Amino acid sequence: MIFYTIGKMFLEKLGIHTKYVGLGVDRMDYTKGLLERFKAVEFFLDAYPEYKENFTFLQIASPSRESVPKFRQFSEEVTNESQRINDKFKTKSWQPIVLLKEHHSHEELGPLFKIANVCMVTSLHDGMNLVAKEYIAARDDESGVLILSKFTGAVRDLKGAIIVNPYSAEETSEAINIALNMSLPEQHKRMKKMRESVKSYNIFRWSAEFIRAITSLS
């Protein structure tokens, strides 16, 4: 309960008061699909205007390789895109996207994972992506919905997620709608399945499978 309260306080500090909150936690990297994700949020609000002032997407994007011009340019594009979408929809008391371009510790992210109605991990190309599993591990209430790119390594283990093609704003938009309208029993069913997967597929199991794969080559 205390982590939930801390999460609420963090949202209040950011001026987020909406009924529904979406969360993204990534490095500021073009492979993470941030521009495509923002486009999906825009598509969602166009398709489902009833969520205006009822849904906020919080994107935490920690700086990455800022000394490289290409990455600095990408960071500017992400900022400009979020501003464009906010200018399109915002009211006096609400804007759809809150972008934080700063690093947050695990201790700071934990309460946010616990409180977000939906977590979006929509990478264009990725490895395992631990953010998806951190979100699941934090949800001991077995609620919340994970939207996961089919191009992440985690998609093989997390069968309870809503799987999307991140290049399709329409598909990802519909996934947001499904997530926000998913019944609690269905959320519990999916989250319980994913939490069991995260719990069982630990470092010991990974090591055993790795060794087994190596020995099979000899």
N, C-alpha and C. Protein backbone atom coordinates (compact mmCIF):
# COMPACT_ATOMS: atom_id res chain seq x y z
N MET A 1 0.82 -1.21 0.00
CA MET A 1 0.00 0.00 0.00
C MET A 1 0.86 1.26 0.00
N ILE A 2 1.98 1.20 0.73
CA ILE A 2 2.84 2.37 0.82
C ILE A 2 3.44 2.72 -0.54
N PHE A 3 3.77 1.69 -1.36
CA PHE A 3 4.32 1.96 -2.68
C PHE A 3 3.28 2.59 -3.59
N TYR A 4 2.03 2.15 -3.45
CA TYR A 4 0.94 2.74 -4.22
C TYR A 4 0.79 4.22 -3.88
N THR A 5 0.87 4.52 -2.57
CA THR A 5 0.75 5.91 -2.11
C THR A 5 1.90 6.76 -2.65
N ILE A 6 3.11 6.20 -2.63
CA ILE A 6 4.28 6.92 -3.16
C ILE A 6 4.08 7.19 -4.65
N GLY A 7 3.56 6.18 -5.37
CA GLY A 7 3.30 6.36 -6.79
C GLY A 7 2.29 7.45 -7.06
N LYS A 8 1.23 7.50 -6.27
CA LYS A 8 0.22 8.54 -6.42
C LYS A 8 0.81 9.93 -6.17
N MET A 9 1.68 10.01 -5.16
CA MET A 9 2.32 11.28 -4.83
C MET A 9 3.21 11.74 -5.98
N PHE A 10 3.90 10.79 -6.61
CA PHE A 10 4.77 11.12 -7.74
C PHE A 10 3.94 11.66 -8.91
N LEU A 11 2.81 11.01 -9.17
CA LEU A 11 1.94 11.47 -10.25
C LEU A 11 1.36 12.85 -9.95
N GLU A 12 0.99 13.05 -8.70
CA GLU A 12 0.46 14.36 -8.30
C GLU A 12 1.50 15.45 -8.53
N LYS A 13 2.75 15.13 -8.21
CA LYS A 13 3.84 16.09 -8.39
C LYS A 13 4.00 16.48 -9.86
N LEU A 14 3.69 15.53 -10.74
CA LEU A 14 3.80 15.78 -12.19
C LEU A 14 2.52 16.38 -12.77
N GLY A 15 1.53 16.56 -11.92
CA GLY A 15 0.26 17.12 -12.39
C GLY A 15 -0.61 16.11 -13.11
N ILE A 16 -0.39 14.82 -12.84
CA ILE A 16 -1.18 13.76 -13.47
C ILE A 16 -2.32 13.37 -12.52
N HIS A 17 -3.55 13.63 -12.94
CA HIS A 17 -4.70 13.37 -12.08
C HIS A 17 -5.73 12.48 -12.78
N THR A 18 -5.38 11.91 -13.91
CA THR A 18 -6.35 11.16 -14.69
C THR A 18 -6.66 9.80 -14.08
N LYS A 19 -7.82 9.26 -14.48
CA LYS A 19 -8.25 7.96 -13.99
C LYS A 19 -7.31 6.86 -14.44
N TYR A 20 -6.83 6.96 -15.69
CA TYR A 20 -5.97 5.93 -16.26
C TYR A 20 -4.58 6.49 -16.55
N VAL A 21 -3.56 5.68 -16.29
CA VAL A 21 -2.17 6.08 -16.53
C VAL A 21 -1.45 4.97 -17.29
N GLY A 22 -0.83 5.35 -18.40
CA GLY A 22 0.04 4.44 -19.13
C GLY A 22 1.49 4.79 -18.82
N LEU A 23 2.38 3.82 -18.89
CA LEU A 23 3.78 4.03 -18.51
C LEU A 23 4.72 3.40 -19.51
N GLY A 24 5.76 4.16 -19.86
CA GLY A 24 6.85 3.63 -20.67
C GLY A 24 8.16 3.99 -19.98
N VAL A 25 9.08 3.03 -19.90
CA VAL A 25 10.39 3.26 -19.29
C VAL A 25 11.45 2.72 -20.24
N ASP A 26 12.23 3.62 -20.81
CA ASP A 26 13.20 3.22 -21.83
C ASP A 26 14.42 4.12 -21.81
N ARG A 27 15.47 3.65 -22.47
CA ARG A 27 16.57 4.55 -22.82
C ARG A 27 16.12 5.41 -24.00
N MET A 28 16.69 6.59 -24.11
CA MET A 28 16.40 7.45 -25.25
C MET A 28 17.15 6.90 -26.46
N ASP A 29 16.52 5.94 -27.10
CA ASP A 29 17.15 5.19 -28.18
C ASP A 29 16.10 4.90 -29.24
N TYR A 30 16.45 5.08 -30.50
CA TYR A 30 15.48 4.92 -31.58
C TYR A 30 14.96 3.50 -31.69
N THR A 31 15.69 2.50 -31.17
CA THR A 31 15.21 1.12 -31.23
C THR A 31 14.05 0.86 -30.28
N LYS A 32 13.82 1.78 -29.33
CA LYS A 32 12.77 1.59 -28.34
C LYS A 32 11.38 1.97 -28.87
N GLY A 33 11.31 2.57 -30.03
CA GLY A 33 10.02 2.85 -30.65
C GLY A 33 9.24 3.96 -29.98
N LEU A 34 9.92 4.97 -29.46
CA LEU A 34 9.22 6.04 -28.75
C LEU A 34 8.34 6.87 -29.68
N LEU A 35 8.86 7.21 -30.85
CA LEU A 35 8.07 8.00 -31.79
C LEU A 35 6.82 7.23 -32.23
N GLU A 36 6.99 5.95 -32.49
CA GLU A 36 5.86 5.12 -32.89
C GLU A 36 4.85 4.98 -31.74
N ARG A 37 5.35 4.91 -30.53
CA ARG A 37 4.49 4.81 -29.35
C ARG A 37 3.65 6.07 -29.17
N PHE A 38 4.29 7.22 -29.33
CA PHE A 38 3.55 8.48 -29.21
C PHE A 38 2.49 8.59 -30.30
N LYS A 39 2.84 8.12 -31.49
CA LYS A 39 1.88 8.14 -32.59
C LYS A 39 0.68 7.27 -32.26
N ALA A 40 0.91 6.16 -31.59
CA ALA A 40 -0.18 5.28 -31.19
C ALA A 40 -1.09 5.96 -30.16
N VAL A 41 -0.49 6.72 -29.24
CA VAL A 41 -1.28 7.47 -28.25
C VAL A 41 -2.16 8.50 -28.96
N GLU A 42 -1.57 9.17 -29.95
CA GLU A 42 -2.34 10.14 -30.73
C GLU A 42 -3.49 9.45 -31.46
N PHE A 43 -3.21 8.32 -32.08
CA PHE A 43 -4.23 7.57 -32.81
C PHE A 43 -5.33 7.13 -31.85
N PHE A 44 -4.93 6.71 -30.65
CA PHE A 44 -5.89 6.25 -29.64
C PHE A 44 -6.84 7.37 -29.23
N LEU A 45 -6.31 8.56 -28.99
CA LEU A 45 -7.15 9.68 -28.57
C LEU A 45 -8.05 10.19 -29.69
N ASP A 46 -7.57 10.06 -30.93
CA ASP A 46 -8.43 10.40 -32.07
C ASP A 46 -9.57 9.40 -32.21
N ALA A 47 -9.25 8.11 -32.01
CA ALA A 47 -10.24 7.05 -32.19
C ALA A 47 -11.21 6.95 -31.01
N TYR A 48 -10.72 7.29 -29.81
CA TYR A 48 -11.54 7.17 -28.60
C TYR A 48 -11.47 8.48 -27.82
N PRO A 49 -12.16 9.51 -28.31
CA PRO A 49 -12.08 10.83 -27.67
C PRO A 49 -12.60 10.87 -26.24
N GLU A 50 -13.34 9.85 -25.82
CA GLU A 50 -13.83 9.82 -24.45
C GLU A 50 -12.70 9.69 -23.42
N TYR A 51 -11.51 9.32 -23.90
CA TYR A 51 -10.37 9.20 -22.99
C TYR A 51 -9.57 10.50 -22.84
N LYS A 52 -9.97 11.52 -23.57
CA LYS A 52 -9.33 12.82 -23.37
C LYS A 52 -9.61 13.29 -21.96
N GLU A 53 -8.58 13.71 -21.26
CA GLU A 53 -8.62 14.14 -19.86
C GLU A 53 -8.88 12.97 -18.89
N ASN A 54 -8.92 11.74 -19.43
CA ASN A 54 -9.08 10.56 -18.59
C ASN A 54 -7.89 9.62 -18.65
N PHE A 55 -6.97 9.90 -19.60
CA PHE A 55 -5.79 9.03 -19.79
C PHE A 55 -4.56 9.89 -19.98
N THR A 56 -3.50 9.54 -19.27
CA THR A 56 -2.21 10.21 -19.43
C THR A 56 -1.14 9.16 -19.65
N PHE A 57 -0.26 9.42 -20.61
CA PHE A 57 0.86 8.51 -20.84
C PHE A 57 2.14 9.15 -20.31
N LEU A 58 2.76 8.49 -19.34
CA LEU A 58 4.01 8.95 -18.75
C LEU A 58 5.17 8.18 -19.37
N GLN A 59 6.03 8.89 -20.07
CA GLN A 59 7.20 8.28 -20.69
C GLN A 59 8.47 8.74 -19.98
N ILE A 60 9.15 7.79 -19.37
CA ILE A 60 10.45 8.06 -18.76
C ILE A 60 11.51 7.58 -19.73
N ALA A 61 12.33 8.51 -20.20
CA ALA A 61 13.34 8.20 -21.21
C ALA A 61 14.70 8.68 -20.71
N SER A 62 15.49 7.76 -20.18
CA SER A 62 16.78 8.14 -19.63
C SER A 62 17.74 8.49 -20.76
N PRO A 63 18.54 9.54 -20.61
CA PRO A 63 19.48 9.97 -21.66
C PRO A 63 20.42 8.84 -22.06
N SER A 64 20.74 8.81 -23.35
CA SER A 64 21.61 7.76 -23.88
C SER A 64 22.53 8.33 -24.94
N ARG A 65 23.83 8.17 -24.75
CA ARG A 65 24.85 8.56 -25.74
C ARG A 65 24.63 9.97 -26.28
N GLU A 66 24.48 10.90 -25.37
CA GLU A 66 24.20 12.28 -25.75
C GLU A 66 25.34 12.95 -26.51
N SER A 67 26.53 12.37 -26.42
CA SER A 67 27.67 12.94 -27.15
C SER A 67 27.62 12.62 -28.65
N VAL A 68 26.74 11.69 -29.03
CA VAL A 68 26.61 11.29 -30.43
C VAL A 68 25.52 12.14 -31.09
N PRO A 69 25.83 12.89 -32.15
CA PRO A 69 24.85 13.77 -32.79
C PRO A 69 23.55 13.09 -33.17
N LYS A 70 23.64 11.86 -33.66
CA LYS A 70 22.44 11.13 -34.09
C LYS A 70 21.48 10.92 -32.92
N PHE A 71 22.01 10.65 -31.74
CA PHE A 71 21.17 10.42 -30.57
C PHE A 71 20.62 11.73 -30.02
N ARG A 72 21.41 12.80 -30.11
CA ARG A 72 20.91 14.11 -29.69
C ARG A 72 19.75 14.53 -30.58
N GLN A 73 19.89 14.28 -31.87
CA GLN A 73 18.83 14.63 -32.81
C GLN A 73 17.56 13.82 -32.53
N PHE A 74 17.74 12.54 -32.23
CA PHE A 74 16.58 11.70 -31.93
C PHE A 74 15.87 12.20 -30.67
N SER A 75 16.63 12.59 -29.66
CA SER A 75 16.05 13.11 -28.43
C SER A 75 15.20 14.35 -28.71
N GLU A 76 15.69 15.21 -29.58
CA GLU A 76 14.94 16.40 -29.96
C GLU A 76 13.65 16.03 -30.71
N GLU A 77 13.73 15.01 -31.56
CA GLU A 77 12.55 14.57 -32.30
C GLU A 77 11.48 14.03 -31.35
N VAL A 78 11.91 13.29 -30.33
CA VAL A 78 10.98 12.75 -29.35
C VAL A 78 10.30 13.89 -28.59
N THR A 79 11.09 14.88 -28.18
CA THR A 79 10.54 16.04 -27.48
C THR A 79 9.54 16.79 -28.36
N ASN A 80 9.92 17.02 -29.60
CA ASN A 80 9.05 17.76 -30.53
C ASN A 80 7.75 17.01 -30.81
N GLU A 81 7.84 15.69 -30.93
CA GLU A 81 6.66 14.90 -31.21
C GLU A 81 5.69 14.91 -30.03
N SER A 82 6.23 14.78 -28.82
CA SER A 82 5.37 14.83 -27.64
C SER A 82 4.70 16.19 -27.52
N GLN A 83 5.45 17.24 -27.84
CA GLN A 83 4.89 18.59 -27.76
C GLN A 83 3.81 18.79 -28.82
N ARG A 84 4.04 18.25 -30.01
CA ARG A 84 3.04 18.38 -31.08
C ARG A 84 1.73 17.72 -30.67
N ILE A 85 1.82 16.53 -30.11
CA ILE A 85 0.62 15.79 -29.70
C ILE A 85 -0.05 16.49 -28.52
N ASN A 86 0.74 16.99 -27.60
CA ASN A 86 0.16 17.72 -26.46
C ASN A 86 -0.55 18.98 -26.91
N ASP A 87 0.04 19.69 -27.86
CA ASP A 87 -0.59 20.91 -28.38
C ASP A 87 -1.92 20.60 -29.07
N LYS A 88 -2.00 19.43 -29.66
CA LYS A 88 -3.20 19.02 -30.38
C LYS A 88 -4.37 18.73 -29.43
N PHE A 89 -4.07 18.12 -28.27
CA PHE A 89 -5.14 17.64 -27.40
C PHE A 89 -5.27 18.37 -26.06
N LYS A 90 -4.25 19.05 -25.62
CA LYS A 90 -4.19 19.52 -24.23
C LYS A 90 -5.33 20.49 -23.90
N THR A 91 -5.67 20.52 -22.60
CA THR A 91 -6.62 21.47 -22.05
C THR A 91 -5.88 22.27 -20.98
N LYS A 92 -6.60 23.10 -20.27
CA LYS A 92 -5.96 23.90 -19.23
C LYS A 92 -5.36 23.06 -18.11
N SER A 93 -5.95 21.90 -17.86
CA SER A 93 -5.53 21.08 -16.72
C SER A 93 -4.96 19.73 -17.10
N TRP A 94 -4.79 19.47 -18.41
CA TRP A 94 -4.36 18.13 -18.84
C TRP A 94 -3.59 18.17 -20.15
N GLN A 95 -2.60 17.28 -20.22
CA GLN A 95 -1.93 17.00 -21.48
C GLN A 95 -1.73 15.50 -21.57
N PRO A 96 -1.84 14.92 -22.75
CA PRO A 96 -1.83 13.45 -22.86
C PRO A 96 -0.49 12.79 -22.60
N ILE A 97 0.61 13.48 -22.90
CA ILE A 97 1.93 12.86 -22.74
C ILE A 97 2.78 13.68 -21.77
N VAL A 98 3.32 13.00 -20.79
CA VAL A 98 4.29 13.62 -19.89
C VAL A 98 5.62 12.93 -20.14
N LEU A 99 6.59 13.67 -20.63
CA LEU A 99 7.90 13.13 -21.01
C LEU A 99 8.95 13.58 -20.00
N LEU A 100 9.61 12.61 -19.37
CA LEU A 100 10.69 12.89 -18.43
C LEU A 100 11.99 12.34 -19.01
N LYS A 101 12.85 13.22 -19.42
CA LYS A 101 14.12 12.81 -20.02
C LYS A 101 15.20 12.81 -18.95
N GLU A 102 15.09 11.87 -18.04
CA GLU A 102 16.04 11.78 -16.93
C GLU A 102 16.06 10.35 -16.40
N HIS A 103 17.14 10.02 -15.74
CA HIS A 103 17.29 8.67 -15.18
C HIS A 103 16.50 8.54 -13.88
N HIS A 104 15.88 7.38 -13.68
CA HIS A 104 15.19 7.08 -12.43
C HIS A 104 15.69 5.74 -11.90
N SER A 105 15.89 5.67 -10.60
CA SER A 105 16.38 4.45 -9.96
C SER A 105 15.27 3.41 -9.89
N HIS A 106 15.65 2.17 -9.57
CA HIS A 106 14.66 1.11 -9.39
C HIS A 106 13.71 1.44 -8.26
N GLU A 107 14.24 2.09 -7.22
CA GLU A 107 13.41 2.47 -6.08
C GLU A 107 12.35 3.49 -6.49
N GLU A 108 12.69 4.36 -7.42
CA GLU A 108 11.74 5.37 -7.90
C GLU A 108 10.72 4.76 -8.86
N LEU A 109 11.18 3.79 -9.66
CA LEU A 109 10.30 3.19 -10.67
C LEU A 109 9.30 2.21 -10.06
N GLY A 110 9.68 1.54 -8.98
CA GLY A 110 8.83 0.53 -8.36
C GLY A 110 7.40 1.01 -8.10
N PRO A 111 7.22 2.15 -7.42
CA PRO A 111 5.87 2.65 -7.16
C PRO A 111 5.10 2.98 -8.44
N LEU A 112 5.81 3.42 -9.49
CA LEU A 112 5.14 3.73 -10.75
C LEU A 112 4.67 2.45 -11.44
N PHE A 113 5.49 1.40 -11.38
CA PHE A 113 5.08 0.12 -11.93
C PHE A 113 3.82 -0.39 -11.23
N LYS A 114 3.74 -0.16 -9.93
CA LYS A 114 2.61 -0.64 -9.14
C LYS A 114 1.31 0.09 -9.46
N ILE A 115 1.41 1.31 -9.92
CA ILE A 115 0.21 2.14 -10.07
C ILE A 115 -0.26 2.29 -11.52
N ALA A 116 0.61 2.03 -12.48
CA ALA A 116 0.24 2.22 -13.89
C ALA A 116 -0.78 1.18 -14.34
N ASN A 117 -1.85 1.63 -14.98
CA ASN A 117 -2.86 0.71 -15.48
C ASN A 117 -2.34 -0.14 -16.62
N VAL A 118 -1.44 0.45 -17.39
CA VAL A 118 -0.87 -0.27 -18.53
C VAL A 118 0.58 0.15 -18.71
N CYS A 119 1.43 -0.83 -18.99
CA CYS A 119 2.84 -0.57 -19.29
C CYS A 119 3.08 -0.94 -20.75
N MET A 120 3.72 -0.02 -21.48
CA MET A 120 3.96 -0.24 -22.90
C MET A 120 5.44 -0.47 -23.16
N VAL A 121 5.75 -1.65 -23.67
CA VAL A 121 7.12 -2.00 -24.07
C VAL A 121 7.03 -2.33 -25.56
N THR A 122 7.18 -1.30 -26.38
CA THR A 122 6.90 -1.45 -27.82
C THR A 122 8.15 -1.18 -28.65
N SER A 123 9.22 -1.87 -28.30
CA SER A 123 10.49 -1.71 -29.01
C SER A 123 10.39 -2.18 -30.45
N LEU A 124 11.16 -1.54 -31.31
CA LEU A 124 11.22 -1.95 -32.71
C LEU A 124 12.15 -3.14 -32.89
N HIS A 125 13.11 -3.25 -32.00
CA HIS A 125 14.04 -4.38 -31.99
C HIS A 125 14.69 -4.38 -30.62
N ASP A 126 14.66 -5.51 -29.94
CA ASP A 126 15.16 -5.51 -28.57
C ASP A 126 15.59 -6.90 -28.16
N GLY A 127 16.30 -6.95 -27.04
CA GLY A 127 16.68 -8.23 -26.47
C GLY A 127 15.57 -8.69 -25.54
N MET A 128 15.93 -9.12 -24.34
CA MET A 128 14.94 -9.63 -23.40
C MET A 128 13.99 -8.54 -22.93
N ASN A 129 14.51 -7.35 -22.70
CA ASN A 129 13.78 -6.20 -22.17
C ASN A 129 13.25 -6.47 -20.78
N LEU A 130 14.05 -6.09 -19.80
CA LEU A 130 13.73 -6.35 -18.40
C LEU A 130 12.62 -5.46 -17.87
N VAL A 131 12.34 -4.33 -18.53
CA VAL A 131 11.27 -3.45 -18.06
C VAL A 131 9.94 -4.21 -18.00
N ALA A 132 9.67 -5.02 -19.01
CA ALA A 132 8.43 -5.79 -19.02
C ALA A 132 8.35 -6.70 -17.80
N LYS A 133 9.46 -7.33 -17.46
CA LYS A 133 9.45 -8.25 -16.33
C LYS A 133 9.46 -7.51 -15.00
N GLU A 134 10.06 -6.32 -14.97
CA GLU A 134 10.02 -5.52 -13.75
C GLU A 134 8.59 -5.06 -13.45
N TYR A 135 7.87 -4.71 -14.48
CA TYR A 135 6.47 -4.32 -14.31
C TYR A 135 5.66 -5.48 -13.73
N ILE A 136 5.86 -6.65 -14.29
CA ILE A 136 5.13 -7.84 -13.84
C ILE A 136 5.51 -8.20 -12.40
N ALA A 137 6.80 -8.14 -12.10
CA ALA A 137 7.27 -8.48 -10.75
C ALA A 137 6.69 -7.53 -9.71
N ALA A 138 6.46 -6.27 -10.11
CA ALA A 138 5.94 -5.28 -9.17
C ALA A 138 4.46 -5.46 -8.90
N ARG A 139 3.74 -6.15 -9.79
CA ARG A 139 2.29 -6.24 -9.68
C ARG A 139 1.85 -7.41 -8.81
N ASP A 140 2.15 -7.32 -7.51
CA ASP A 140 1.74 -8.38 -6.60
C ASP A 140 0.23 -8.37 -6.36
N ASP A 141 -0.46 -7.32 -6.81
CA ASP A 141 -1.92 -7.30 -6.77
C ASP A 141 -2.53 -8.00 -7.97
N GLU A 142 -1.66 -8.45 -8.89
CA GLU A 142 -2.06 -9.18 -10.10
C GLU A 142 -3.04 -8.40 -10.98
N SER A 143 -2.90 -7.07 -10.97
CA SER A 143 -3.68 -6.25 -11.88
C SER A 143 -2.73 -5.51 -12.80
N GLY A 144 -3.29 -4.75 -13.75
CA GLY A 144 -2.46 -4.06 -14.73
C GLY A 144 -2.33 -4.89 -16.00
N VAL A 145 -1.99 -4.20 -17.10
CA VAL A 145 -1.89 -4.86 -18.40
C VAL A 145 -0.58 -4.47 -19.07
N LEU A 146 0.10 -5.46 -19.64
CA LEU A 146 1.33 -5.23 -20.38
C LEU A 146 1.07 -5.29 -21.87
N ILE A 147 1.46 -4.22 -22.58
CA ILE A 147 1.43 -4.21 -24.04
C ILE A 147 2.87 -4.41 -24.50
N LEU A 148 3.08 -5.45 -25.29
CA LEU A 148 4.45 -5.88 -25.60
C LEU A 148 4.65 -6.04 -27.10
N SER A 149 5.76 -5.49 -27.57
CA SER A 149 6.14 -5.62 -28.98
C SER A 149 6.49 -7.06 -29.32
N LYS A 150 6.08 -7.48 -30.49
CA LYS A 150 6.41 -8.83 -30.93
C LYS A 150 7.90 -8.96 -31.29
N PHE A 151 8.62 -7.84 -31.28
CA PHE A 151 10.03 -7.86 -31.61
C PHE A 151 10.93 -7.87 -30.37
N THR A 152 10.37 -8.12 -29.20
CA THR A 152 11.18 -8.23 -27.98
C THR A 152 11.42 -9.69 -27.65
N GLY A 153 12.55 -9.95 -27.00
CA GLY A 153 12.84 -11.31 -26.58
C GLY A 153 11.86 -11.82 -25.54
N ALA A 154 11.33 -10.90 -24.71
CA ALA A 154 10.43 -11.27 -23.63
C ALA A 154 9.12 -11.84 -24.13
N VAL A 155 8.79 -11.61 -25.39
CA VAL A 155 7.50 -12.05 -25.92
C VAL A 155 7.37 -13.57 -25.89
N ARG A 156 8.50 -14.27 -25.85
CA ARG A 156 8.46 -15.74 -25.82
C ARG A 156 7.98 -16.27 -24.49
N ASP A 157 8.20 -15.50 -23.41
CA ASP A 157 7.85 -15.96 -22.07
C ASP A 157 6.55 -15.37 -21.55
N LEU A 158 6.21 -14.16 -21.98
CA LEU A 158 5.10 -13.43 -21.37
C LEU A 158 3.84 -13.55 -22.22
N LYS A 159 3.22 -14.71 -22.15
CA LYS A 159 2.07 -15.01 -22.99
C LYS A 159 0.80 -14.25 -22.57
N GLY A 160 0.82 -13.65 -21.38
CA GLY A 160 -0.35 -12.92 -20.93
C GLY A 160 -0.40 -11.48 -21.39
N ALA A 161 0.64 -11.04 -22.09
CA ALA A 161 0.68 -9.66 -22.59
C ALA A 161 -0.17 -9.51 -23.84
N ILE A 162 -0.54 -8.27 -24.15
CA ILE A 162 -1.17 -7.98 -25.44
C ILE A 162 -0.04 -7.72 -26.43
N ILE A 163 0.09 -8.55 -27.42
CA ILE A 163 1.21 -8.49 -28.35
C ILE A 163 0.85 -7.60 -29.54
N VAL A 164 1.76 -6.68 -29.89
CA VAL A 164 1.48 -5.75 -30.99
C VAL A 164 2.67 -5.64 -31.93
N ASN A 165 2.37 -5.16 -33.12
CA ASN A 165 3.40 -4.72 -34.06
C ASN A 165 3.58 -3.22 -33.80
N PRO A 166 4.71 -2.80 -33.25
CA PRO A 166 4.88 -1.41 -32.86
C PRO A 166 4.88 -0.43 -34.02
N TYR A 167 5.08 -0.92 -35.23
CA TYR A 167 5.04 -0.05 -36.40
C TYR A 167 3.61 0.35 -36.78
N SER A 168 2.63 -0.36 -36.22
CA SER A 168 1.23 -0.08 -36.54
C SER A 168 0.61 0.75 -35.42
N ALA A 169 0.39 2.04 -35.68
CA ALA A 169 -0.24 2.91 -34.68
C ALA A 169 -1.67 2.45 -34.41
N GLU A 170 -2.35 1.97 -35.44
CA GLU A 170 -3.72 1.52 -35.28
C GLU A 170 -3.80 0.29 -34.36
N GLU A 171 -2.90 -0.66 -34.58
CA GLU A 171 -2.90 -1.88 -33.78
C GLU A 171 -2.54 -1.58 -32.32
N THR A 172 -1.55 -0.74 -32.12
CA THR A 172 -1.14 -0.40 -30.76
C THR A 172 -2.21 0.44 -30.07
N SER A 173 -2.86 1.31 -30.83
CA SER A 173 -3.97 2.10 -30.30
C SER A 173 -5.09 1.20 -29.80
N GLU A 174 -5.42 0.20 -30.58
CA GLU A 174 -6.49 -0.72 -30.18
C GLU A 174 -6.08 -1.53 -28.96
N ALA A 175 -4.78 -1.83 -28.85
CA ALA A 175 -4.28 -2.55 -27.67
C ALA A 175 -4.47 -1.71 -26.40
N ILE A 176 -4.24 -0.40 -26.51
CA ILE A 176 -4.46 0.49 -25.37
C ILE A 176 -5.93 0.45 -24.96
N ASN A 177 -6.81 0.50 -25.94
CA ASN A 177 -8.25 0.46 -25.66
C ASN A 177 -8.64 -0.85 -24.98
N ILE A 178 -8.12 -1.94 -25.49
CA ILE A 178 -8.41 -3.25 -24.89
C ILE A 178 -7.89 -3.30 -23.46
N ALA A 179 -6.68 -2.78 -23.24
CA ALA A 179 -6.07 -2.80 -21.91
C ALA A 179 -6.90 -2.02 -20.90
N LEU A 180 -7.36 -0.84 -21.29
CA LEU A 180 -8.09 0.01 -20.36
C LEU A 180 -9.51 -0.50 -20.10
N ASN A 181 -9.99 -1.38 -20.94
CA ASN A 181 -11.34 -1.92 -20.76
C ASN A 181 -11.32 -3.39 -20.31
N MET A 182 -10.14 -3.91 -20.04
CA MET A 182 -10.03 -5.31 -19.62
C MET A 182 -10.58 -5.49 -18.20
N SER A 183 -11.38 -6.49 -18.00
CA SER A 183 -11.97 -6.76 -16.69
C SER A 183 -10.88 -7.17 -15.69
N LEU A 184 -11.14 -6.93 -14.42
CA LEU A 184 -10.17 -7.33 -13.40
C LEU A 184 -9.90 -8.83 -13.39
N PRO A 185 -10.93 -9.68 -13.51
CA PRO A 185 -10.64 -11.12 -13.57
C PRO A 185 -9.70 -11.50 -14.71
N GLU A 186 -9.89 -10.86 -15.87
CA GLU A 186 -9.01 -11.15 -17.01
C GLU A 186 -7.60 -10.63 -16.75
N GLN A 187 -7.49 -9.44 -16.14
CA GLN A 187 -6.18 -8.92 -15.75
C GLN A 187 -5.48 -9.87 -14.80
N HIS A 188 -6.21 -10.34 -13.80
CA HIS A 188 -5.63 -11.25 -12.81
C HIS A 188 -5.15 -12.54 -13.48
N LYS A 189 -5.96 -13.07 -14.38
CA LYS A 189 -5.61 -14.31 -15.08
C LYS A 189 -4.31 -14.15 -15.86
N ARG A 190 -4.23 -13.06 -16.62
CA ARG A 190 -3.05 -12.83 -17.45
C ARG A 190 -1.81 -12.52 -16.60
N MET A 191 -1.99 -11.65 -15.59
CA MET A 191 -0.85 -11.25 -14.78
C MET A 191 -0.32 -12.41 -13.95
N LYS A 192 -1.22 -13.24 -13.43
CA LYS A 192 -0.78 -14.40 -12.64
C LYS A 192 0.07 -15.33 -13.50
N LYS A 193 -0.36 -15.54 -14.73
CA LYS A 193 0.38 -16.40 -15.65
C LYS A 193 1.77 -15.85 -15.92
N MET A 194 1.86 -14.53 -16.12
CA MET A 194 3.16 -13.92 -16.41
C MET A 194 4.05 -13.87 -15.17
N ARG A 195 3.46 -13.65 -14.00
CA ARG A 195 4.25 -13.63 -12.77
C ARG A 195 4.84 -15.01 -12.49
N GLU A 196 4.09 -16.05 -12.78
CA GLU A 196 4.61 -17.41 -12.60
C GLU A 196 5.77 -17.67 -13.55
N SER A 197 5.67 -17.13 -14.77
CA SER A 197 6.74 -17.29 -15.75
C SER A 197 8.00 -16.56 -15.31
N VAL A 198 7.83 -15.30 -14.82
CA VAL A 198 8.98 -14.52 -14.36
C VAL A 198 9.64 -15.19 -13.16
N LYS A 199 8.83 -15.75 -12.27
CA LYS A 199 9.36 -16.40 -11.07
C LYS A 199 10.14 -17.66 -11.41
N SER A 200 9.63 -18.45 -12.35
CA SER A 200 10.26 -19.73 -12.66
C SER A 200 11.44 -19.59 -13.61
N TYR A 201 11.38 -18.59 -14.50
CA TYR A 201 12.48 -18.45 -15.47
C TYR A 201 13.52 -17.50 -14.88
N ASN A 202 14.28 -18.01 -13.91
CA ASN A 202 15.28 -17.20 -13.23
C ASN A 202 16.67 -17.52 -13.74
N ILE A 203 17.70 -16.98 -13.07
CA ILE A 203 19.09 -17.14 -13.50
C ILE A 203 19.53 -18.60 -13.47
N PHE A 204 18.97 -19.39 -12.54
CA PHE A 204 19.36 -20.79 -12.43
C PHE A 204 18.84 -21.60 -13.62
N ARG A 205 17.60 -21.33 -13.98
CA ARG A 205 17.03 -22.02 -15.14
C ARG A 205 17.73 -21.58 -16.41
N TRP A 206 18.01 -20.28 -16.53
CA TRP A 206 18.70 -19.78 -17.72
C TRP A 206 20.08 -20.43 -17.84
N SER A 207 20.80 -20.53 -16.73
CA SER A 207 22.15 -21.12 -16.73
C SER A 207 22.09 -22.59 -17.15
N ALA A 208 21.10 -23.30 -16.62
CA ALA A 208 20.97 -24.72 -16.95
C ALA A 208 20.69 -24.90 -18.44
N GLU A 209 19.81 -24.08 -18.98
CA GLU A 209 19.48 -24.18 -20.40
C GLU A 209 20.66 -23.78 -21.28
N PHE A 210 21.43 -22.79 -20.82
CA PHE A 210 22.60 -22.35 -21.57
C PHE A 210 23.65 -23.48 -21.62
N ILE A 211 23.89 -24.07 -20.47
CA ILE A 211 24.87 -25.16 -20.42
C ILE A 211 24.40 -26.34 -21.26
N ARG A 212 23.12 -26.65 -21.20
CA ARG A 212 22.57 -27.75 -21.98
C ARG A 212 22.73 -27.49 -23.48
N ALA A 213 22.54 -26.24 -23.89
CA ALA A 213 22.67 -25.89 -25.30
C ALA A 213 24.12 -26.00 -25.75
N ILE A 214 25.05 -25.58 -24.88
CA ILE A 214 26.48 -25.67 -25.22
C ILE A 214 26.94 -27.12 -25.34
N THR A 215 26.50 -27.95 -24.38
CA THR A 215 26.95 -29.35 -24.40
C THR A 215 26.35 -30.10 -25.59
N SER A 216 25.18 -29.68 -26.05
CA SER A 216 24.56 -30.36 -27.18
C SER A 216 25.34 -30.11 -28.47
N LEU A 217 26.20 -29.09 -28.49
CA LEU A 217 26.99 -28.78 -29.67
C LEU A 217 28.25 -29.62 -29.76
N SER A 218 28.63 -30.21 -28.66
CA SER A 218 29.88 -30.99 -28.64
C SER A 218 29.66 -32.44 -29.08
